Amino acid sequence: MKSSFLFLLGFGMGTVLGILVAPEAGKITRRKIRDEADRIIDQTLNKKRQQEAMNRLTSRMEPAGTVVTESRYTN
């Protein structure tokens, strides 16, 4: 638990430091971060919609089971 807290603390400090010393203006950096976050959110929502569509399709299909075939030969 302590190591995960330290990791998150270091990650946060690194992020803040990276933004502060970034070679571009803050406005441009914030726009890039926002655009990337929007792209990731859109991808996630699209995957969720696709999964829901697949779940709807598979729920309509008959469950897989043993296939009984009739034989024209009798015992």
C-alpha atoms as a PDB file:
ATOM      1  CA  MET A   1       0.000   0.000   0.000  1.00  0.00           C
ATOM      2  CA  LYS A   2       2.851   2.345   0.881  1.00  0.00           C
ATOM      3  CA  SER A   3       4.686   1.622  -2.352  1.00  0.00           C
ATOM      4  CA  SER A   4       1.586   2.333  -4.459  1.00  0.00           C
ATOM      5  CA  PHE A   5       1.123   5.656  -2.652  1.00  0.00           C
ATOM      6  CA  LEU A   6       4.753   6.565  -3.308  1.00  0.00           C
ATOM      7  CA  PHE A   7       4.379   5.567  -6.937  1.00  0.00           C
ATOM      8  CA  LEU A   8       1.305   7.769  -7.364  1.00  0.00           C
ATOM      9  CA  LEU A   9       3.021  10.632  -5.560  1.00  0.00           C
ATOM     10  CA  GLY A  10       6.061  10.361  -7.822  1.00  0.00           C
ATOM     11  CA  PHE A  11       3.891  10.068 -10.899  1.00  0.00           C
ATOM     12  CA  GLY A  12       1.932  13.177  -9.933  1.00  0.00           C
ATOM     13  CA  MET A  13       5.086  15.162  -9.167  1.00  0.00           C
ATOM     14  CA  GLY A  14       6.628  14.104 -12.468  1.00  0.00           C
ATOM     15  CA  THR A  15       3.524  15.123 -14.361  1.00  0.00           C
ATOM     16  CA  VAL A  16       3.410  18.539 -12.730  1.00  0.00           C
ATOM     17  CA  LEU A  17       7.128  19.089 -13.272  1.00  0.00           C
ATOM     18  CA  GLY A  18       6.844  18.011 -16.913  1.00  0.00           C
ATOM     19  CA  ILE A  19       4.021  20.443 -17.540  1.00  0.00           C
ATOM     20  CA  LEU A  20       5.889  23.275 -15.846  1.00  0.00           C
ATOM     21  CA  VAL A  21       9.019  22.874 -17.932  1.00  0.00           C
ATOM     22  CA  ALA A  22       7.237  21.995 -21.165  1.00  0.00           C
ATOM     23  CA  PRO A  23       8.647  23.743 -24.245  1.00  0.00           C
ATOM     24  CA  GLU A  24       5.197  24.887 -25.403  1.00  0.00           C
ATOM     25  CA  ALA A  25       2.838  27.424 -23.911  1.00  0.00           C
ATOM     26  CA  GLY A  26       0.453  26.186 -21.242  1.00  0.00           C
ATOM     27  CA  LYS A  27      -2.565  26.921 -23.399  1.00  0.00           C
ATOM     28  CA  ILE A  28      -1.273  24.662 -26.174  1.00  0.00           C
ATOM     29  CA  THR A  29      -0.282  21.942 -23.701  1.00  0.00           C
ATOM     30  CA  ARG A  30      -3.698  21.984 -22.021  1.00  0.00           C
ATOM     31  CA  ARG A  31      -5.392  21.772 -25.426  1.00  0.00           C
ATOM     32  CA  LYS A  32      -3.263  18.748 -26.358  1.00  0.00           C
ATOM     33  CA  ILE A  33      -4.060  17.062 -23.054  1.00  0.00           C
ATOM     34  CA  ARG A  34      -7.786  17.774 -23.484  1.00  0.00           C
ATOM     35  CA  ASP A  35      -7.767  16.507 -27.084  1.00  0.00           C
ATOM     36  CA  GLU A  36      -5.968  13.317 -26.085  1.00  0.00           C
ATOM     37  CA  ALA A  37      -8.352  12.746 -23.169  1.00  0.00           C
ATOM     38  CA  ASP A  38     -11.330  13.277 -25.494  1.00  0.00           C
ATOM     39  CA  ARG A  39      -9.864  10.793 -27.979  1.00  0.00           C
ATOM     40  CA  ILE A  40      -9.374   8.169 -25.264  1.00  0.00           C
ATOM     41  CA  ILE A  41     -12.905   8.718 -23.928  1.00  0.00           C
ATOM     42  CA  ASP A  42     -14.359   8.409 -27.449  1.00  0.00           C
ATOM     43  CA  GLN A  43     -12.435   5.183 -28.052  1.00  0.00           C
ATOM     44  CA  THR A  44     -13.641   3.757 -24.753  1.00  0.00           C
ATOM     45  CA  LEU A  45     -17.262   4.680 -25.429  1.00  0.00           C
ATOM     46  CA  ASN A  46     -17.072   3.171 -28.935  1.00  0.00           C
ATOM     47  CA  LYS A  47     -15.680  -0.080 -27.528  1.00  0.00           C
ATOM     48  CA  LYS A  48     -18.443  -0.115 -24.919  1.00  0.00           C
ATOM     49  CA  ARG A  49     -21.107   0.397 -27.605  1.00  0.00           C
ATOM     50  CA  GLN A  50     -19.591  -2.369 -29.728  1.00  0.00           C
ATOM     51  CA  GLN A  51     -19.553  -4.723 -26.744  1.00  0.00           C
ATOM     52  CA  GLU A  52     -23.183  -3.917 -25.934  1.00  0.00           C
ATOM     53  CA  ALA A  53     -24.152  -4.572 -29.559  1.00  0.00           C
ATOM     54  CA  MET A  54     -22.323  -7.908 -29.492  1.00  0.00           C
ATOM     55  CA  ASN A  55     -24.045  -8.816 -26.226  1.00  0.00           C
ATOM     56  CA  ARG A  56     -27.443  -8.033 -27.774  1.00  0.00           C
ATOM     57  CA  LEU A  57     -26.628 -10.171 -30.816  1.00  0.00           C
ATOM     58  CA  THR A  58     -25.353 -13.111 -28.813  1.00  0.00           C
ATOM     59  CA  SER A  59     -28.349 -12.996 -26.468  1.00  0.00           C
ATOM     60  CA  ARG A  60     -30.648 -13.457 -29.493  1.00  0.00           C
ATOM     61  CA  MET A  61     -28.726 -16.476 -30.726  1.00  0.00           C
ATOM     62  CA  GLU A  62     -29.572 -19.970 -29.571  1.00  0.00           C
ATOM     63  CA  PRO A  63     -27.251 -21.242 -26.879  1.00  0.00           C
ATOM     64  CA  ALA A  64     -24.550 -23.582 -28.033  1.00  0.00           C
ATOM     65  CA  GLY A  65     -25.154 -27.156 -27.062  1.00  0.00           C
ATOM     66  CA  THR A  66     -25.073 -30.619 -28.424  1.00  0.00           C
ATOM     67  CA  VAL A  67     -26.294 -30.838 -31.959  1.00  0.00           C
ATOM     68  CA  VAL A  68     -28.736 -33.652 -32.533  1.00  0.00           C
ATOM     69  CA  THR A  69     -28.798 -34.878 -36.081  1.00  0.00           C
ATOM     70  CA  GLU A  70     -31.225 -37.411 -37.436  1.00  0.00           C
ATOM     71  CA  SER A  71     -29.822 -40.427 -39.095  1.00  0.00           C
ATOM     72  CA  ARG A  72     -31.523 -42.140 -41.975  1.00  0.00           C
ATOM     73  CA  TYR A  73     -30.112 -45.397 -40.733  1.00  0.00           C
ATOM     74  CA  THR A  74     -31.927 -47.064 -37.854  1.00  0.00           C
ATOM     75  CA  ASN A  75     -30.541 -49.630 -35.509  1.00  0.00           C
END
